[in-house]
C-alpha atoms as a PDB file:
ATOM      1  CA  MET A   1       4.950   5.312  23.980  1.00  0.00           C
ATOM      2  CA  ILE A   2       5.615   8.095  20.994  1.00  0.00           C
ATOM      3  CA  ASP A   3       7.514  10.855  21.908  1.00  0.00           C
ATOM      4  CA  ILE A   4       5.906  13.719  19.828  1.00  0.00           C
ATOM      5  CA  GLU A   5       8.493  16.302  20.873  1.00  0.00           C
ATOM      6  CA  SER A   6      11.079  14.048  19.115  1.00  0.00           C
ATOM      7  CA  ILE A   7       8.925  13.365  16.101  1.00  0.00           C
ATOM      8  CA  ILE A   8       8.726  17.048  15.436  1.00  0.00           C
ATOM      9  CA  SER A   9      12.460  17.872  16.144  1.00  0.00           C
ATOM     10  CA  GLN A  10      13.395  15.147  14.006  1.00  0.00           C
ATOM     11  CA  ASN A  11      10.764  16.623  11.051  1.00  0.00           C
ATOM     12  CA  ARG A  12      12.400  19.745  11.513  1.00  0.00           C
ATOM     13  CA  GLN A  13      15.711  18.263  11.076  1.00  0.00           C
ATOM     14  CA  TYR A  14      14.638  16.443   7.827  1.00  0.00           C
ATOM     15  CA  ALA A  15      13.069  19.450   6.387  1.00  0.00           C
ATOM     16  CA  GLU A  16      16.041  21.723   6.877  1.00  0.00           C
ATOM     17  CA  ASN A  17      17.892  19.131   5.309  1.00  0.00           C
ATOM     18  CA  PHE A  18      15.701  18.041   2.374  1.00  0.00           C
ATOM     19  CA  THR A  19      17.619  18.667  -0.798  1.00  0.00           C
ATOM     20  CA  HIS A  20      14.947  17.003  -3.212  1.00  0.00           C
ATOM     21  CA  GLY A  21      12.605  19.534  -3.577  1.00  0.00           C
ATOM     22  CA  ASP A  22      13.547  19.837  -7.356  1.00  0.00           C
ATOM     23  CA  LEU A  23      12.435  16.073  -8.467  1.00  0.00           C
ATOM     24  CA  PRO A  24       9.168  15.969 -10.041  1.00  0.00           C
ATOM     25  CA  PRO A  25       6.027  14.407  -8.893  1.00  0.00           C
ATOM     26  CA  HIS A  26       6.338  11.719 -11.574  1.00  0.00           C
ATOM     27  CA  PRO A  27       7.605   8.726 -10.440  1.00  0.00           C
ATOM     28  CA  SER A  28      11.040   8.474 -12.394  1.00  0.00           C
ATOM     29  CA  LYS A  29      10.857   4.769 -12.937  1.00  0.00           C
ATOM     30  CA  LYS A  30       7.151   5.000 -13.777  1.00  0.00           C
ATOM     31  CA  VAL A  31       6.256   2.439 -11.270  1.00  0.00           C
ATOM     32  CA  ALA A  32       3.582   2.269  -8.582  1.00  0.00           C
ATOM     33  CA  VAL A  33       4.095  -0.234  -5.671  1.00  0.00           C
ATOM     34  CA  LEU A  34       1.538  -1.160  -3.386  1.00  0.00           C
ATOM     35  CA  THR A  35       2.697  -3.225  -0.300  1.00  0.00           C
ATOM     36  CA  CYS A  36       1.705  -3.970   3.023  1.00  0.00           C
ATOM     37  CA  MET A  37       1.912  -1.333   6.106  1.00  0.00           C
ATOM     38  CA  ASP A  38       3.872  -3.995   7.956  1.00  0.00           C
ATOM     39  CA  ALA A  39       6.373  -1.983  10.064  1.00  0.00           C
ATOM     40  CA  ARG A  40       9.156  -4.238   9.217  1.00  0.00           C
ATOM     41  CA  ILE A  41       8.998  -3.754   5.900  1.00  0.00           C
ATOM     42  CA  PHE A  42      11.197  -0.654   4.284  1.00  0.00           C
ATOM     43  CA  ILE A  43       9.814  -0.949   0.651  1.00  0.00           C
ATOM     44  CA  ASN A  44      12.678   1.402  -0.966  1.00  0.00           C
ATOM     45  CA  GLU A  45      15.356  -1.044   0.409  1.00  0.00           C
ATOM     46  CA  VAL A  46      13.702  -4.087  -0.513  1.00  0.00           C
ATOM     47  CA  LEU A  47      13.149  -2.999  -4.218  1.00  0.00           C
ATOM     48  CA  GLY A  48      16.659  -0.953  -4.029  1.00  0.00           C
ATOM     49  CA  LEU A  49      14.611   2.407  -5.099  1.00  0.00           C
ATOM     50  CA  LYS A  50      15.923   6.111  -4.458  1.00  0.00           C
ATOM     51  CA  ILE A  51      13.630   8.869  -3.457  1.00  0.00           C
ATOM     52  CA  GLY A  52      11.376  10.035  -6.515  1.00  0.00           C
ATOM     53  CA  GLU A  53      11.516   6.896  -8.243  1.00  0.00           C
ATOM     54  CA  ALA A  54       8.016   5.164  -7.684  1.00  0.00           C
ATOM     55  CA  HIS A  55       4.796   6.144  -5.844  1.00  0.00           C
ATOM     56  CA  ILE A  56       4.163   3.500  -2.644  1.00  0.00           C
ATOM     57  CA  ILE A  57       0.784   2.974  -1.433  1.00  0.00           C
ATOM     58  CA  ARG A  58       0.723   1.088   1.413  1.00  0.00           C
ATOM     59  CA  ASN A  59      -2.057  -0.643   3.675  1.00  0.00           C
ATOM     60  CA  ALA A  60      -3.166  -3.399   5.552  1.00  0.00           C
ATOM     61  CA  GLY A  61      -2.327  -6.608   3.356  1.00  0.00           C
ATOM     62  CA  GLY A  62      -1.040  -4.454   0.280  1.00  0.00           C
ATOM     63  CA  ILE A  63      -5.044  -4.904  -0.758  1.00  0.00           C
ATOM     64  CA  VAL A  64      -6.055  -3.271  -3.927  1.00  0.00           C
ATOM     65  CA  THR A  65      -9.134  -1.556  -1.970  1.00  0.00           C
ATOM     66  CA  ASP A  66     -11.013   1.314  -3.321  1.00  0.00           C
ATOM     67  CA  ASP A  67      -8.603   3.693  -2.075  1.00  0.00           C
ATOM     68  CA  ALA A  68      -5.534   2.195  -3.253  1.00  0.00           C
ATOM     69  CA  LEU A  69      -7.108   1.782  -6.895  1.00  0.00           C
ATOM     70  CA  ARG A  70      -7.825   5.268  -6.641  1.00  0.00           C
ATOM     71  CA  SER A  71      -4.088   6.262  -5.642  1.00  0.00           C
ATOM     72  CA  LEU A  72      -3.231   3.932  -8.366  1.00  0.00           C
ATOM     73  CA  ILE A  73      -5.679   5.583 -11.287  1.00  0.00           C
ATOM     74  CA  ILE A  74      -4.032   8.970 -10.137  1.00  0.00           C
ATOM     75  CA  SER A  75      -0.359   7.351 -10.111  1.00  0.00           C
ATOM     76  CA  HIS A  76      -1.146   6.186 -13.998  1.00  0.00           C
ATOM     77  CA  GLU A  77      -3.732   8.892 -15.211  1.00  0.00           C
ATOM     78  CA  LEU A  78      -1.773  12.270 -13.850  1.00  0.00           C
ATOM     79  CA  LEU A  79       1.793  10.969 -12.590  1.00  0.00           C
ATOM     80  CA  GLY A  80       2.800   8.995 -15.755  1.00  0.00           C
ATOM     81  CA  THR A  81       2.944   5.382 -13.895  1.00  0.00           C
ATOM     82  CA  GLU A  82       3.078   2.476 -16.627  1.00  0.00           C
ATOM     83  CA  LYS A  83       3.887  -0.357 -14.179  1.00  0.00           C
ATOM     84  CA  ILE A  84       2.385  -1.609 -11.048  1.00  0.00           C
ATOM     85  CA  ILE A  85       3.946  -3.730  -8.652  1.00  0.00           C
ATOM     86  CA  ILE A  86       1.976  -5.615  -5.461  1.00  0.00           C
ATOM     87  CA  ILE A  87       4.146  -6.991  -2.631  1.00  0.00           C
ATOM     88  CA  ASN A  88       2.423  -9.260   0.066  1.00  0.00           C
ATOM     89  CA  HIS A  89       4.993 -10.700   2.705  1.00  0.00           C
ATOM     90  CA  THR A  90       4.996 -13.790   4.879  1.00  0.00           C
ATOM     91  CA  GLU A  91       3.679 -13.850   8.235  1.00  0.00           C
ATOM     92  CA  CYS A  92       1.428 -11.231   7.347  1.00  0.00           C
ATOM     93  CA  GLY A  93      -1.149 -10.266  10.187  1.00  0.00           C
ATOM     94  CA  MET A  94      -3.818 -10.443   7.744  1.00  0.00           C
ATOM     95  CA  ALA A  95      -4.005 -14.201   7.492  1.00  0.00           C
ATOM     96  CA  THR A  96      -4.134 -14.722  10.982  1.00  0.00           C
ATOM     97  CA  PHE A  97      -8.092 -13.814  11.360  1.00  0.00           C
ATOM     98  CA  ASN A  98     -11.066 -13.544   9.108  1.00  0.00           C
ATOM     99  CA  ASP A  99     -13.280 -10.568   8.586  1.00  0.00           C
ATOM    100  CA  GLU A 100     -16.546 -11.976  10.604  1.00  0.00           C
ATOM    101  CA  ASP A 101     -14.842 -12.855  13.785  1.00  0.00           C
ATOM    102  CA  LEU A 102     -13.096  -9.056  13.782  1.00  0.00           C
ATOM    103  CA  GLN A 103     -16.436  -7.434  13.014  1.00  0.00           C
ATOM    104  CA  LYS A 104     -17.977  -9.531  15.876  1.00  0.00           C
ATOM    105  CA  ARG A 105     -15.175  -8.855  18.348  1.00  0.00           C
ATOM    106  CA  ILE A 106     -14.871  -4.800  17.317  1.00  0.00           C
ATOM    107  CA  SER A 107     -18.603  -4.497  17.421  1.00  0.00           C
ATOM    108  CA  GLU A 108     -19.134  -5.936  20.936  1.00  0.00           C
ATOM    109  CA  LYS A 109     -16.390  -4.298  22.401  1.00  0.00           C
ATOM    110  CA  TYR A 110     -17.557  -0.708  20.841  1.00  0.00           C
ATOM    111  CA  ASN A 111     -21.223  -1.452  21.065  1.00  0.00           C
ATOM    112  CA  SER A 112     -21.491  -0.609  17.414  1.00  0.00           C
ATOM    113  CA  ASP A 113     -22.030  -2.206  14.171  1.00  0.00           C
ATOM    114  CA  ALA A 114     -18.951  -3.191  12.530  1.00  0.00           C
ATOM    115  CA  SER A 115     -20.559  -5.572   9.930  1.00  0.00           C
ATOM    116  CA  ASP A 116     -20.095  -3.503   6.701  1.00  0.00           C
ATOM    117  CA  ILE A 117     -16.168  -2.775   7.646  1.00  0.00           C
ATOM    118  CA  LYS A 118     -14.132  -4.865   5.115  1.00  0.00           C
ATOM    119  CA  PHE A 119     -10.682  -5.775   6.456  1.00  0.00           C
ATOM    120  CA  HIS A 120      -9.611  -8.060   3.590  1.00  0.00           C
ATOM    121  CA  SER A 121      -8.322 -10.771   5.605  1.00  0.00           C
ATOM    122  CA  PHE A 122      -7.086 -13.833   3.579  1.00  0.00           C
ATOM    123  CA  SER A 123      -5.977 -17.192   4.369  1.00  0.00           C
ATOM    124  CA  ASP A 124      -3.704 -17.974   1.269  1.00  0.00           C
ATOM    125  CA  LEU A 125      -1.119 -15.602   0.503  1.00  0.00           C
ATOM    126  CA  GLU A 126      -0.394 -16.800  -3.092  1.00  0.00           C
ATOM    127  CA  GLU A 127      -3.674 -16.441  -3.990  1.00  0.00           C
ATOM    128  CA  ASN A 128      -4.294 -12.937  -2.355  1.00  0.00           C
ATOM    129  CA  VAL A 129      -1.123 -11.596  -4.700  1.00  0.00           C
ATOM    130  CA  ARG A 130      -3.101 -13.468  -7.420  1.00  0.00           C
ATOM    131  CA  ASP A 131      -6.450 -11.973  -6.541  1.00  0.00           C
ATOM    132  CA  GLN A 132      -4.918  -8.034  -6.288  1.00  0.00           C
ATOM    133  CA  ILE A 133      -3.079  -8.504  -9.769  1.00  0.00           C
ATOM    134  CA  LYS A 134      -6.579  -9.416 -11.218  1.00  0.00           C
ATOM    135  CA  LYS A 135      -8.364  -6.478  -9.324  1.00  0.00           C
ATOM    136  CA  ILE A 136      -5.866  -4.102 -11.087  1.00  0.00           C
ATOM    137  CA  ARG A 137      -5.967  -5.980 -14.772  1.00  0.00           C
ATOM    138  CA  THR A 138     -10.034  -5.588 -14.528  1.00  0.00           C
ATOM    139  CA  SER A 139     -10.091  -2.164 -13.809  1.00  0.00           C
ATOM    140  CA  PRO A 140     -11.006  -0.225 -16.937  1.00  0.00           C
ATOM    141  CA  PHE A 141      -9.204   2.424 -15.905  1.00  0.00           C
ATOM    142  CA  LEU A 142      -6.057   0.758 -15.753  1.00  0.00           C
ATOM    143  CA  SER A 143      -6.088  -0.807 -18.952  1.00  0.00           C
ATOM    144  CA  ASN A 144      -2.933   0.655 -20.229  1.00  0.00           C
ATOM    145  CA  ILE A 145      -0.590  -0.497 -17.714  1.00  0.00           C
ATOM    146  CA  THR A 146       1.833  -2.001 -19.461  1.00  0.00           C
ATOM    147  CA  SER A 147       3.031  -4.565 -16.612  1.00  0.00           C
ATOM    148  CA  VAL A 148       1.609  -6.076 -13.266  1.00  0.00           C
ATOM    149  CA  LEU A 149       3.801  -8.025 -11.035  1.00  0.00           C
ATOM    150  CA  GLY A 150       3.083  -9.861  -7.888  1.00  0.00           C
ATOM    151  CA  PHE A 151       5.518 -10.775  -5.371  1.00  0.00           C
ATOM    152  CA  ILE A 152       5.835 -12.276  -1.570  1.00  0.00           C
END
């Protein structure tokens, strides 16, 4: 169970000791990273990034959804991002189910139609990374991005 008081106390301490308020909102390395929301991945450590160096966008599976695309476009157009990195990981939960089964399961559980919800599950990790790179490369709004890299 989450201890809300502990979270609030930690946030208060963080705010009191925060010394990076003078950093610009533009990522200094001109990079945006799209990765999975998996709680085991501390992406700044994985990539050796410091605060202010990159925009980090996370969702289930590191998928270029409409919302992730929106964030990447804002990062590029308004904040100067020139490079995008897609990172997926082994043992991703998104490869353990398919959309149809989950749609059926939650439709029955909540007695409400979930058939329109796209979960973006996948079975092939490498193919998923290639698909996400393709989504970025084919977006007319990201055509000026200089580099799109994918990693597992």
